[in-house]
Protein backbone atom coordinates (compact mmCIF):
# COMPACT_ATOMS: atom_id res chain seq x y z
CA UNK A 1 267.42 165.44 32.73
CA UNK A 2 268.57 165.78 36.30
CA UNK A 3 270.46 169.07 36.56
CA UNK A 4 272.48 170.69 39.35
CA UNK A 5 273.45 174.35 39.23
CA UNK A 6 276.36 174.93 41.60
CA UNK A 7 276.82 178.57 42.54
CA UNK A 8 275.05 181.62 41.18
CA UNK A 9 275.60 185.24 40.18
CA UNK A 10 272.70 187.73 40.23
CA UNK A 11 270.08 184.95 40.02
CA UNK A 12 271.41 183.71 36.64
CA UNK A 13 271.30 180.00 37.50
CA UNK A 14 268.13 180.30 39.56
CA UNK A 15 266.39 181.97 36.61
CA UNK A 16 267.40 179.11 34.33
CA UNK A 17 266.38 176.53 36.91
CA UNK A 18 262.83 177.85 37.07
CA UNK A 19 262.41 177.62 33.29
CA UNK A 20 264.03 174.19 33.04
CA UNK A 21 261.71 172.83 35.74
CA UNK A 22 258.78 174.08 33.66
CA UNK A 23 260.22 172.03 30.78
CA UNK A 24 260.10 168.85 32.84
CA UNK A 25 263.66 168.67 34.11
CA UNK A 26 264.58 167.91 37.72
CA UNK A 27 266.70 170.87 38.82
CA UNK A 28 268.50 171.90 42.02
CA UNK A 29 270.41 175.08 42.79
CA UNK A 30 273.20 175.33 45.35
CA UNK A 31 274.26 178.89 46.20
CA UNK A 32 274.79 181.44 48.95
CA UNK A 33 271.79 183.45 47.79
CA UNK A 34 273.98 186.28 46.61
CA UNK A 35 274.31 187.63 50.15
CA UNK A 36 271.90 190.52 50.68
CA UNK A 37 270.26 189.84 47.29
CA UNK A 38 268.60 186.68 48.67
CA UNK A 39 268.31 184.97 45.30
CA UNK A 40 266.42 181.70 44.98
CA UNK A 41 268.15 178.39 45.74
CA UNK A 42 267.36 174.91 47.01
CA UNK A 43 270.49 174.35 49.08
CA UNK A 44 272.25 177.18 50.90
CA UNK A 45 275.99 177.06 51.35
CA UNK A 46 277.53 180.25 52.67
CA UNK A 47 280.92 181.20 54.09
CA UNK A 48 280.82 183.49 57.10
CA UNK A 49 283.77 185.63 58.13
CA UNK A 50 286.51 184.58 60.51
CA UNK A 51 288.22 181.28 61.29
CA UNK A 52 285.06 179.75 62.72
CA UNK A 53 283.15 180.67 59.58
CA UNK A 54 285.88 179.17 57.38
CA UNK A 55 285.97 175.90 59.32
CA UNK A 56 282.19 175.61 59.30
CA UNK A 57 282.12 176.28 55.55
CA UNK A 58 284.73 173.61 54.84
CA UNK A 59 282.80 171.14 56.98
CA UNK A 60 279.54 171.92 55.18
CA UNK A 61 281.17 171.58 51.75
CA UNK A 62 282.85 168.31 52.75
CA UNK A 63 279.50 166.97 53.95
CA UNK A 64 277.50 168.15 50.96
CA UNK A 65 279.51 167.46 47.83
CA UNK A 66 279.80 163.65 48.14
CA UNK A 67 275.98 163.57 48.30
CA UNK A 68 275.63 165.45 45.02
CA UNK A 69 275.70 162.48 42.69
CA UNK A 70 273.91 160.94 39.72
CA UNK A 71 273.10 164.22 37.99
CA UNK A 72 273.11 164.26 34.20
CA UNK A 73 274.53 167.78 34.30
CA UNK A 74 276.43 169.72 36.94
CA UNK A 75 276.71 173.37 35.85
CA UNK A 76 279.35 175.38 37.74
CA UNK A 77 279.06 179.17 37.95
CA UNK A 78 282.83 179.68 37.76
CA UNK A 79 286.06 177.66 38.07
CA UNK A 80 286.29 179.07 41.61
CA UNK A 81 282.80 177.82 42.45
CA UNK A 82 283.72 177.47 46.12
CA UNK A 83 285.22 180.02 48.53
CA UNK A 84 288.26 177.84 49.14
CA UNK A 85 291.90 177.64 48.12
CA UNK A 86 292.44 176.39 44.55
CA UNK A 87 293.82 173.02 45.69
CA UNK A 88 290.70 172.26 47.73
CA UNK A 89 288.44 173.44 44.88
CA UNK A 90 290.21 171.01 42.54
CA UNK A 91 289.65 168.19 45.04
CA UNK A 92 285.91 168.83 45.22
CA UNK A 93 285.70 169.38 41.44
CA UNK A 94 287.10 165.86 40.97
CA UNK A 95 284.44 164.42 43.27
CA UNK A 96 281.67 166.13 41.29
CA UNK A 97 283.24 164.93 38.05
CA UNK A 98 283.47 161.36 39.29
CA UNK A 99 279.97 161.14 40.75
CA UNK A 100 278.00 162.70 37.89
CA UNK A 101 277.48 162.16 34.18
CA UNK A 102 278.89 165.53 33.05
CA UNK A 103 280.25 168.83 34.33
CA UNK A 104 279.72 172.13 32.49
CA UNK A 105 280.93 175.64 33.22
CA UNK A 106 279.05 178.92 33.01
CA UNK A 107 281.48 181.58 31.85
CA UNK A 108 280.43 184.46 34.09
CA UNK A 109 282.54 186.74 36.21
CA UNK A 110 286.31 186.74 36.51
CA UNK A 111 288.52 183.74 35.91
CA UNK A 112 292.15 183.33 34.87
CA UNK A 113 291.55 183.32 31.11
CA UNK A 114 289.15 186.27 31.15
CA UNK A 115 291.33 188.46 33.36
CA UNK A 116 294.44 187.52 31.38
CA UNK A 117 292.65 188.73 28.24
CA UNK A 118 291.68 191.96 30.01
CA UNK A 119 295.30 192.62 30.95
CA UNK A 120 297.14 191.56 27.80
CA UNK A 121 296.68 194.95 26.11
CA UNK A 122 295.43 193.33 22.91
CA UNK A 123 292.14 191.49 23.39
CA UNK A 124 290.05 194.36 24.80
CA UNK A 125 290.30 198.14 24.48
CA UNK A 126 289.34 198.59 28.12
CA UNK A 127 288.30 196.68 31.22
CA UNK A 128 288.04 197.23 34.96
CA UNK A 129 291.77 196.46 35.14
CA UNK A 130 293.20 198.48 32.26
CA UNK A 131 292.06 201.23 29.91
CA UNK A 132 294.37 200.95 26.94
CA UNK A 133 297.82 200.53 28.49
CA UNK A 134 296.93 202.43 31.68
CA UNK A 135 296.06 200.64 34.88
CA UNK A 136 292.69 201.62 36.38
CA UNK A 137 292.36 203.00 39.90
CA UNK A 138 290.61 199.78 40.85
CA UNK A 139 293.59 197.66 39.81
CA UNK A 140 296.07 200.03 41.45
CA UNK A 141 294.17 199.76 44.73
CA UNK A 142 293.25 196.08 44.71
CA UNK A 143 295.77 194.28 42.46
CA UNK A 144 292.86 191.98 41.78
CA UNK A 145 293.90 191.33 38.21
CA UNK A 146 297.37 190.26 39.34
CA UNK A 147 295.78 187.86 41.83
CA UNK A 148 293.60 186.29 39.13
CA UNK A 149 296.56 185.56 36.88
CA UNK A 150 298.64 184.07 39.69
CA UNK A 151 300.16 180.67 39.02
CA UNK A 152 297.92 178.98 41.60
CA UNK A 153 294.72 180.16 39.90
CA UNK A 154 296.19 179.53 36.45
CA UNK A 155 296.72 175.87 37.35
CA UNK A 156 293.17 175.50 38.71
CA UNK A 157 291.53 177.25 35.76
CA UNK A 158 293.50 175.24 33.21
CA UNK A 159 292.53 172.04 35.00
CA UNK A 160 288.83 172.93 35.07
CA UNK A 161 288.83 174.04 31.42
CA UNK A 162 290.58 170.79 30.42
CA UNK A 163 288.16 168.56 32.31
CA UNK A 164 284.71 170.06 31.73
CA UNK A 165 282.41 168.62 29.10
CA UNK A 166 281.42 172.05 27.83
CA UNK A 167 280.86 175.69 28.72
CA UNK A 168 278.31 178.44 28.15
CA UNK A 169 279.42 182.08 27.80
CA UNK A 170 276.76 184.58 28.86
CA UNK A 171 278.43 187.74 27.52
CA UNK A 172 280.47 188.37 24.37
CA UNK A 173 283.59 189.33 26.33
CA UNK A 174 283.57 186.02 28.19
CA UNK A 175 283.16 184.22 24.88
CA UNK A 176 286.01 186.17 23.26
CA UNK A 177 288.35 185.32 26.14
CA UNK A 178 287.47 181.62 26.32
CA UNK A 179 286.91 180.53 22.73
CA UNK A 180 290.60 180.40 21.89
CA UNK A 181 291.04 177.93 24.75
CA UNK A 182 287.81 175.92 24.60
CA UNK A 183 286.96 176.09 20.89
CA UNK A 184 283.69 174.30 20.10
CA UNK A 185 283.30 173.24 23.73
CA UNK A 186 281.84 176.70 24.41
CA UNK A 187 278.45 178.02 23.26
CA UNK A 188 277.38 181.67 23.47
CA UNK A 189 273.98 181.88 25.18
CA UNK A 190 273.38 185.42 26.54
CA UNK A 191 272.21 186.16 30.08
CA UNK A 192 268.72 184.79 30.86
CA UNK A 193 265.99 187.19 31.99
CA UNK A 194 262.59 186.07 33.30
CA UNK A 195 260.38 188.27 31.17
CA UNK A 196 257.23 186.72 32.61
CA UNK A 197 258.23 188.19 35.95
CA UNK A 198 259.64 191.48 34.66
CA UNK A 199 256.81 193.32 32.93
CA UNK A 200 257.54 196.35 30.77
CA UNK A 201 255.61 199.49 31.56
CA UNK A 202 255.64 202.82 29.79
CA UNK A 203 258.05 205.12 31.63
CA UNK A 204 256.41 207.92 33.61
CA UNK A 205 258.11 211.15 32.54
CA UNK A 206 255.52 213.57 33.89
CA UNK A 207 257.82 214.86 36.63
CA UNK A 208 261.55 214.88 37.10
CA UNK A 209 263.53 212.26 35.21
CA UNK A 210 264.69 209.70 37.77
CA UNK A 211 268.27 208.44 37.41
CA UNK A 212 268.75 205.18 39.30
CA UNK A 213 272.08 203.69 40.34
CA UNK A 214 272.67 200.55 42.37
CA UNK A 215 275.71 200.58 44.65
CA UNK A 216 276.92 197.15 45.67
CA UNK A 217 279.04 197.26 48.80
CA UNK A 218 282.73 196.80 48.05
CA UNK A 219 282.27 196.85 44.27
CA UNK A 220 281.73 200.55 43.58
CA UNK A 221 285.24 201.13 42.28
CA UNK A 222 285.40 197.81 40.42
CA UNK A 223 282.19 198.48 38.50
CA UNK A 224 282.84 202.22 38.18
CA UNK A 225 279.56 203.10 39.86
CA UNK A 226 281.37 205.60 42.10
CA UNK A 227 282.38 207.55 38.98
CA UNK A 228 278.90 207.29 37.46
CA UNK A 229 277.34 208.51 40.70
CA UNK A 230 279.52 211.63 40.62
CA UNK A 231 278.43 212.32 37.04
CA UNK A 232 274.77 211.89 37.95
CA UNK A 233 274.99 214.10 41.05
CA UNK A 234 276.74 216.83 39.06
CA UNK A 235 273.94 216.71 36.52
CA UNK A 236 271.34 216.86 39.30
CA UNK A 237 272.99 220.00 40.68
CA UNK A 238 273.05 221.51 37.21
CA UNK A 239 269.43 220.57 36.35
CA UNK A 240 267.58 220.29 39.69
CA UNK A 241 264.22 220.95 38.08
CA UNK A 242 264.74 218.29 35.40
CA UNK A 243 266.25 215.24 37.11
CA UNK A 244 266.87 213.54 40.43
CA UNK A 245 269.20 210.74 41.46
CA UNK A 246 268.20 207.68 43.49
CA UNK A 247 270.89 205.47 44.99
CA UNK A 248 270.02 201.90 45.99
CA UNK A 249 272.48 200.14 48.28
CA UNK A 250 272.57 196.42 49.10
CA UNK A 251 268.87 195.68 48.60
CA UNK A 252 267.18 192.32 48.26
CA UNK A 253 266.64 191.56 44.59
CA UNK A 254 262.83 191.87 44.67
CA UNK A 255 262.94 195.32 46.29
CA UNK A 256 265.79 196.42 44.03
CA UNK A 257 263.82 195.53 40.91
CA UNK A 258 260.70 197.27 42.21
CA UNK A 259 262.57 200.51 42.75
CA UNK A 260 264.43 200.21 39.47
CA UNK A 261 261.13 199.82 37.60
CA UNK A 262 260.01 203.23 38.86
CA UNK A 263 263.04 205.02 37.36
CA UNK A 264 263.70 206.43 33.89
CA UNK A 265 267.43 205.86 33.42
CA UNK A 266 269.55 203.17 35.06
CA UNK A 267 273.30 203.68 35.33
CA UNK A 268 275.00 200.29 35.19
CA UNK A 269 278.65 199.23 35.13
CA UNK A 270 281.24 201.42 33.45
CA UNK A 271 283.88 198.99 32.19
CA UNK A 272 281.83 196.35 30.38
CA UNK A 273 281.53 195.74 26.65
CA UNK A 274 277.98 194.48 27.22
CA UNK A 275 275.05 195.06 29.56
CA UNK A 276 275.16 192.77 32.57
CA UNK A 277 272.16 191.28 34.33
CA UNK A 278 271.35 194.65 35.92
CA UNK A 279 271.31 196.34 32.53
CA UNK A 280 269.16 193.69 30.89
CA UNK A 281 266.69 193.81 33.78
CA UNK A 282 266.38 197.56 33.35
CA UNK A 283 265.79 197.14 29.61
CA UNK A 284 263.09 194.56 30.32
CA UNK A 285 261.29 196.80 32.82
CA UNK A 286 261.30 200.02 30.82
CA UNK A 287 264.05 202.38 32.02
CA UNK A 288 266.79 203.28 29.56
CA UNK A 289 269.98 201.39 30.41
CA UNK A 290 273.23 203.35 30.40
CA UNK A 291 275.88 200.65 30.34
CA UNK A 292 278.21 198.61 28.15
CA UNK A 293 277.10 198.64 24.51
CA UNK A 294 280.20 198.29 22.40
CA UNK A 295 280.03 197.27 18.71
CA UNK A 296 281.19 193.77 19.68
CA UNK A 297 278.07 193.34 21.80
CA UNK A 298 275.68 194.20 18.99
CA UNK A 299 277.70 192.08 16.56
CA UNK A 300 277.55 189.02 18.81
CA UNK A 301 273.78 189.20 19.26
CA UNK A 302 273.17 189.98 15.60
CA UNK A 303 271.59 193.41 16.06
CA UNK A 304 272.32 195.39 12.90
CA UNK A 305 269.92 198.31 13.33
CA UNK A 306 268.54 198.72 16.85
CA UNK A 307 270.85 200.59 19.27
CA UNK A 308 268.63 201.20 22.31
CA UNK A 309 271.37 201.31 24.96
CA UNK A 310 273.17 204.46 26.05
CA UNK A 311 276.85 203.58 25.97
CA UNK A 312 279.10 204.93 28.71
CA UNK A 313 282.22 204.96 26.58
CA UNK A 314 283.90 207.38 26.28
CA UNK A 315 283.26 208.48 29.83
CA UNK A 316 283.88 212.17 29.10
CA UNK A 317 280.76 212.21 26.90
CA UNK A 318 278.50 210.61 29.51
CA UNK A 319 277.26 213.78 31.22
CA UNK A 320 276.50 215.44 27.87
CA UNK A 321 274.71 212.33 26.58
CA UNK A 322 272.67 212.02 29.75
CA UNK A 323 271.66 215.66 29.54
CA UNK A 324 270.54 215.27 25.93
CA UNK A 325 268.55 212.18 26.79
CA UNK A 326 266.81 213.85 29.75
CA UNK A 327 265.70 216.67 27.45
CA UNK A 328 264.41 214.31 24.74
CA UNK A 329 261.52 212.29 26.16
CA UNK A 330 260.51 210.95 22.74
CA UNK A 331 263.97 209.41 22.36
CA UNK A 332 263.76 207.92 25.86
CA UNK A 333 260.45 206.26 25.07
CA UNK A 334 261.72 204.96 21.74
CA UNK A 335 264.82 203.49 23.37
CA UNK A 336 262.69 201.91 26.09
CA UNK A 337 260.44 200.16 23.58
CA UNK A 338 263.36 198.98 21.42
CA UNK A 339 265.31 197.76 24.44
CA UNK A 340 262.44 195.58 25.62
CA UNK A 341 262.20 194.06 22.13
CA UNK A 342 265.97 193.41 22.09
CA UNK A 343 265.79 191.57 25.41
CA UNK A 344 262.79 189.55 24.20
CA UNK A 345 264.76 188.41 21.13
CA UNK A 346 267.99 187.61 22.90
CA UNK A 347 267.62 187.24 26.66
CA UNK A 348 264.21 185.74 27.33
CA UNK A 349 264.92 182.81 29.65
CA UNK A 350 262.93 180.60 27.25
CA UNK A 351 265.43 181.40 24.47
CA UNK A 352 268.51 181.03 26.69
CA UNK A 353 267.33 177.79 28.33
CA UNK A 354 266.91 176.27 24.87
CA UNK A 355 270.54 177.12 24.10
CA UNK A 356 271.69 175.47 27.33
CA UNK A 357 269.64 172.35 26.55
CA UNK A 358 271.00 172.18 23.02
CA UNK A 359 274.61 172.46 24.13
CA UNK A 360 274.19 169.84 26.85
CA UNK A 361 272.68 167.42 24.34
CA UNK A 362 275.48 168.02 21.83
CA UNK A 363 278.33 167.70 24.29
CA UNK A 364 277.22 164.89 26.63
CA UNK A 365 278.64 161.63 25.41
């Protein structure tokens, strides 16, 4: 098949593209490279700041999209796959739909239906927008959730959902939010991880236990990493001879992964039901991932026994749980081994690419 991935988050589409090329497909990736992450892509389309940047971006999009034709599959990273107003996104969506055999959607990141589910007080127990019936500091400061459920984005998201040929949800929470709308048009796939590139190595615990946390500029409050950093630094002050904290800020992906691989515990996002790409990468490399690991996550992936992720919920237990883990190196090693096996079963890009292929073949008329 001839496949176009439009947009990317944390190298998700680029990872799939590499595997699908190895399977004989012709694959192209259009993305901005994830900014400082510099993820792999074939065509770069990036919006710079300011009016000049906006005009240049619109010109580049207008020049590019009509040329993207005759693909068997166009896979969009999100309904807002362009950094444009919803009306303009709809216009370019229609061009892609007209000029190609099929259009699919990767359910990743925020969209109207996911954020609406996060804010309805029923679907999820917590999210970055609400914890129970209480608004998070992130939502109070940003009103991002309110923006996502605005009428303008509602109209765009409903239009995209109505007109795609199918969708792939990469985390259980995205699947939960979308399945009531899309039904059998959506398939749960998991996040792909290139295990050939990310080699597991036995954690070195001969010195201080290294706690690693990645801080992405502008997203610290949204992901809760500012709170997790405070917890880690407090623990470092309490146990200076036992642990040390390393903070990585806005690194290219290759350097980020190298430094992560040298740590023992990786603190990921606070408000997720499931590990994200960062968490799965940690699990593949060897550090223990402290991240989302709610019962719904294990249920969705069919794990009935293995629980190799340190959950961050409830938050008030996190410091105590981290301290216990730091003092129990046998448990850390056991969790590391089990986590790698879990990722091999569920997130190996070979496994996930097969699920994408299967869903395309089922849904394309």
